[in-house]
Each structure stands twice: as C-alpha cells, then as structure tokens.
Amino acid sequence: MKDKNAILRSNIDYLLESKNENKVSLSDGAGVNRTTLYNIMEGKVVRVQENTLRKFADFFGVSFTEIQTVDLREKALADNKMSLDGNKNPIAIPIINDTTVLSYLNAKIGKMIVTSPVTYYFGEGANIIGVVLTKGVSGFYDKGDLIIIKRYERMQGSNTLAITTEGELCVVGKEKPFPKNYELIGAILEERYGGK
C-alpha cells in the first residue's frame, strides 16, 4: 500500500494533468512556495504540513482527506465505468462576467476558481467556465443569463460563443462557418436563463 506522500504526489500529477494546469500555476494559485512544491513532488519531504495540504485540496476542489488518502486517478476510472444515470458528480466551474471574458480567456481554471464565484456543471471536461451576461446577446440571451462554455473549442451540434471585431458577444450558429476575424470563446454546453 502506498504511503500518504506517494498518494499525494500521484494525485497532484493526476489533477494537474486532468485540469490542464502545471506546477507553476498550482504554486501561484494555491499560494505554495515553488521550492516546497518541487521538494514534495520529488519525495524529499517526509511530512507535508496540513496547511499546505489544505491549499492543494482547495486549489483542485477536492477534500483534504481525499487528496492524501484516495487514488483519484483510479477513482475517476471507476466513476467513468458507472452508469451515467445518477452517478455524475458536479464539477465546480468559475463564473466570469461577459465584460471581462477576454482578459480571462487564457487564464488557468485553477486561478479563476480561487478568484471568482463558482457554479456547478453536471458533466465532464476541462476548460469549462460560466459567463454571466450584463447585457443580452441579440436573438439568443437576455441580461442575467448564464452560459456554460467549453473554452477554445467548437463542437459539432453546439452553438459557439464569440466576440466580434467590435468587441461585442455573439453566437455563431452550429451550422455556420466561424468568421475569421472573430475571437473564439468556446462551445456552448448549457444555457441557464436568468442565471439559474
């Protein structure tokens, strides 16, 4: 059986990979010194401080106990083998304002989670964010609606949220070609009218 430090190292590796983060973004987002992080990952630390464990757990959105005792990679594989009916766990996603969406387009999800309000999405995937609208998007959404987006992607069968050359949000229909001069935000996964 693995010791707690080996489980922790394995979980950090898995969570970095699955959440599209890296050690630098973990260090910055969790507020853990890079030297400390690298020493933990190289097995040079015998006992990881509770405060540091809590910072890792908070950054990744997992429990303090789980990050040091449960093999999260194996747990994810087991969860994926279960029925899709009732066995989906919600994932926390950051909510950003439509007026600041461009400045957050390349931000790491972990950094956004600790600095933004969150909501939950029942599904799978990485790079998922919520965009709350301060004004409507003509023909599609009203002020106050929340749109769940998979950043950087266009998906078959889904509309796409984009920014026009004038800096306005717009929706590109699922069957329409994406305009070359528009900024891609991502595929629309879910719409919550009135932010609910």
Protein backbone atom coordinates (compact mmCIF):
# COMPACT_ATOMS: atom_id res chain seq x y z
CA MET A 1 0.00 0.00 0.00
CA LYS A 2 1.27 3.49 -0.88
CA ASP A 3 2.09 5.93 1.90
CA LYS A 4 0.25 9.25 2.12
CA ASN A 5 3.05 11.20 0.45
CA ALA A 6 3.15 8.82 -2.53
CA ILE A 7 -0.64 9.10 -2.88
CA LEU A 8 -0.41 12.89 -2.62
CA ARG A 9 2.29 13.06 -5.34
CA SER A 10 0.30 10.75 -7.60
CA ASN A 11 -2.88 12.80 -7.02
CA ILE A 12 -1.14 16.11 -7.75
CA ASP A 13 0.24 14.68 -11.02
CA TYR A 14 -3.19 13.38 -12.00
CA LEU A 15 -5.03 16.59 -11.05
CA LEU A 16 -2.52 18.79 -12.88
CA GLU A 17 -3.00 16.67 -16.00
CA SER A 18 -6.80 16.38 -15.79
CA LYS A 19 -7.37 20.07 -15.06
CA ASN A 20 -4.87 21.29 -17.65
CA GLU A 21 -2.72 23.01 -15.02
CA ASN A 22 1.02 22.91 -14.33
CA LYS A 23 3.27 23.18 -11.27
CA VAL A 24 3.76 26.92 -11.75
CA SER A 25 0.01 27.60 -11.89
CA LEU A 26 -0.51 25.31 -8.88
CA SER A 27 2.17 27.12 -6.90
CA ASP A 28 0.81 30.55 -7.81
CA GLY A 29 -2.88 29.66 -7.48
CA ALA A 30 -2.58 27.72 -4.23
CA GLY A 31 -0.04 30.05 -2.66
CA VAL A 32 2.56 27.33 -2.08
CA ASN A 33 6.24 28.14 -2.50
CA ARG A 34 7.62 26.53 -5.68
CA THR A 35 10.59 25.05 -3.86
CA THR A 36 8.24 23.40 -1.37
CA LEU A 37 6.08 22.04 -4.20
CA TYR A 38 9.05 20.64 -6.12
CA ASN A 39 10.50 19.06 -2.95
CA ILE A 40 7.14 17.38 -2.26
CA MET A 41 6.90 16.12 -5.84
CA GLU A 42 10.47 14.74 -5.72
CA GLY A 43 9.75 12.87 -2.47
CA LYS A 44 12.16 14.98 -0.42
CA VAL A 45 9.53 15.99 2.16
CA VAL A 46 8.79 13.41 4.88
CA ARG A 47 5.74 15.12 6.35
CA VAL A 48 3.69 17.63 4.34
CA GLN A 49 2.23 20.38 6.52
CA GLU A 50 -1.56 20.33 6.99
CA ASN A 51 -1.80 23.94 5.81
CA THR A 52 -0.05 23.02 2.54
CA LEU A 53 -2.34 20.00 2.03
CA ARG A 54 -5.39 22.21 2.51
CA LYS A 55 -4.08 24.70 -0.07
CA PHE A 56 -3.64 21.89 -2.62
CA ALA A 57 -7.10 20.48 -1.87
CA ASP A 58 -8.76 23.90 -2.15
CA PHE A 59 -6.97 24.68 -5.42
CA PHE A 60 -8.13 21.42 -7.03
CA GLY A 61 -11.59 21.41 -5.45
CA VAL A 62 -11.16 18.07 -3.66
CA SER A 63 -11.41 17.22 0.01
CA PHE A 64 -8.45 17.48 2.38
CA THR A 65 -8.74 13.79 3.28
CA GLU A 66 -9.20 12.61 -0.29
CA ILE A 67 -6.09 14.27 -1.72
CA GLN A 68 -3.84 12.35 0.68
CA THR A 69 -5.66 9.00 1.05
CA VAL A 70 -7.59 8.17 -2.16
CA ASP A 71 -6.03 7.38 -5.54
CA LEU A 72 -8.03 9.93 -7.55
CA ARG A 73 -6.98 8.51 -10.94
CA GLU A 74 -8.37 5.07 -10.00
CA LYS A 75 -11.48 6.69 -8.53
CA ALA A 76 -12.09 8.63 -11.77
CA LEU A 77 -11.69 5.45 -13.83
CA ALA A 78 -14.17 3.63 -11.58
CA ASP A 79 -16.62 6.55 -11.74
CA ASN A 80 -16.46 6.53 -15.55
CA LYS A 81 -17.43 2.84 -15.59
CA MET A 82 -20.59 3.52 -13.59
CA SER A 83 -23.95 4.27 -15.08
CA LEU A 84 -24.42 7.79 -16.38
CA ASP A 85 -27.84 7.84 -14.70
CA GLY A 86 -27.31 9.33 -11.27
CA ASN A 87 -23.57 8.83 -10.89
CA LYS A 88 -22.37 12.13 -12.25
CA ASN A 89 -20.69 14.38 -9.76
CA PRO A 90 -20.85 18.11 -10.35
CA ILE A 91 -17.67 19.93 -11.24
CA ALA A 92 -17.06 23.41 -9.91
CA ILE A 93 -16.62 26.00 -12.64
CA PRO A 94 -15.71 29.67 -12.31
CA ILE A 95 -18.24 32.33 -13.30
CA ILE A 96 -16.85 35.36 -15.07
CA ASN A 97 -18.55 38.49 -16.28
CA ASP A 98 -19.09 38.99 -20.02
CA THR A 99 -17.30 42.35 -19.82
CA THR A 100 -14.09 40.68 -18.61
CA VAL A 101 -14.25 37.48 -20.65
CA LEU A 102 -11.37 38.49 -22.93
CA SER A 103 -8.99 39.09 -20.04
CA TYR A 104 -9.80 35.62 -18.66
CA LEU A 105 -9.61 33.77 -21.96
CA ASN A 106 -6.11 32.42 -21.35
CA ALA A 107 -6.27 32.28 -17.54
CA LYS A 108 -5.84 28.93 -15.81
CA ILE A 109 -9.05 27.42 -14.42
CA GLY A 110 -7.46 26.85 -11.01
CA LYS A 111 -6.57 30.52 -10.72
CA MET A 112 -10.08 31.53 -11.78
CA ILE A 113 -11.70 29.14 -9.27
CA VAL A 114 -9.98 30.82 -6.34
CA THR A 115 -10.70 34.38 -7.53
CA SER A 116 -14.24 34.09 -8.98
CA PRO A 117 -17.66 32.92 -7.86
CA VAL A 118 -18.40 29.31 -8.84
CA THR A 119 -21.32 27.24 -10.03
CA TYR A 120 -21.60 23.53 -10.72
CA TYR A 121 -21.86 21.70 -14.02
CA PHE A 122 -23.02 18.11 -14.26
CA GLY A 123 -20.77 16.79 -17.00
CA GLU A 124 -17.21 16.03 -17.93
CA GLY A 125 -14.37 18.01 -19.34
CA ALA A 126 -11.67 20.55 -18.78
CA ASN A 127 -11.59 24.28 -19.55
CA ILE A 128 -15.24 24.82 -18.68
CA ILE A 129 -16.35 28.25 -17.48
CA GLY A 130 -19.58 30.13 -16.87
CA VAL A 131 -20.18 33.51 -18.49
CA VAL A 132 -22.84 35.71 -16.89
CA LEU A 133 -24.30 38.36 -19.17
CA THR A 134 -24.57 42.01 -18.13
CA LYS A 135 -26.45 42.70 -21.36
CA GLY A 136 -28.28 40.49 -23.82
CA VAL A 137 -26.96 38.78 -26.92
CA SER A 138 -29.38 39.67 -29.69
CA GLY A 139 -31.72 36.82 -30.59
CA PHE A 140 -30.27 34.41 -28.04
CA TYR A 141 -29.85 35.61 -24.45
CA ASP A 142 -31.06 38.26 -22.03
CA LYS A 143 -29.24 40.19 -19.32
CA GLY A 144 -28.59 37.91 -16.33
CA ASP A 145 -28.42 34.65 -18.31
CA LEU A 146 -25.52 32.30 -17.56
CA ILE A 147 -23.85 30.40 -20.38
CA ILE A 148 -21.65 27.37 -19.67
CA ILE A 149 -18.76 27.27 -22.17
CA LYS A 150 -16.02 24.81 -23.09
CA ARG A 151 -13.23 27.24 -23.86
CA TYR A 152 -11.25 27.25 -27.11
CA GLU A 153 -13.47 24.70 -28.87
CA ARG A 154 -16.19 24.43 -31.46
CA MET A 155 -18.27 21.29 -31.09
CA GLN A 156 -20.44 19.67 -33.67
CA GLY A 157 -24.09 20.24 -32.84
CA SER A 158 -23.38 23.18 -30.50
CA ASN A 159 -23.54 26.91 -30.95
CA THR A 160 -20.35 28.85 -30.29
CA LEU A 161 -19.84 31.99 -28.22
CA ALA A 162 -17.53 34.53 -29.85
CA ILE A 163 -16.51 38.17 -29.75
CA THR A 164 -16.97 40.29 -32.86
CA THR A 165 -14.41 42.72 -34.22
CA GLU A 166 -16.40 45.49 -32.44
CA GLY A 167 -15.88 43.71 -29.10
CA GLU A 168 -19.48 42.50 -28.75
CA LEU A 169 -20.50 38.99 -27.70
CA CYS A 170 -22.27 37.00 -30.38
CA VAL A 171 -23.42 33.46 -31.02
CA VAL A 172 -22.24 31.64 -34.13
CA GLY A 173 -24.81 29.03 -35.10
CA LYS A 174 -23.85 25.36 -35.06
CA GLU A 175 -24.11 25.06 -38.83
CA LYS A 176 -22.43 28.36 -39.74
CA PRO A 177 -18.73 28.76 -40.56
CA PHE A 178 -16.75 30.62 -37.93
CA PRO A 179 -15.82 34.16 -39.10
CA LYS A 180 -12.04 34.62 -39.42
CA ASN A 181 -11.94 37.97 -37.64
CA TYR A 182 -13.96 36.86 -34.57
CA GLU A 183 -12.37 35.83 -31.27
CA LEU A 184 -13.39 32.29 -30.25
CA ILE A 185 -14.57 31.93 -26.66
CA GLY A 186 -15.88 28.38 -26.91
CA ALA A 187 -18.66 25.88 -27.45
CA ILE A 188 -21.91 26.45 -25.56
CA LEU A 189 -22.59 23.41 -23.37
CA GLU A 190 -25.51 24.69 -21.32
CA GLU A 191 -27.73 27.75 -21.01
CA ARG A 192 -29.23 28.91 -17.72
CA TYR A 193 -31.81 31.58 -18.30
CA GLY A 194 -31.94 34.16 -15.53
CA GLY A 195 -28.68 32.72 -14.15
CA LYS A 196 -30.40 29.71 -12.57
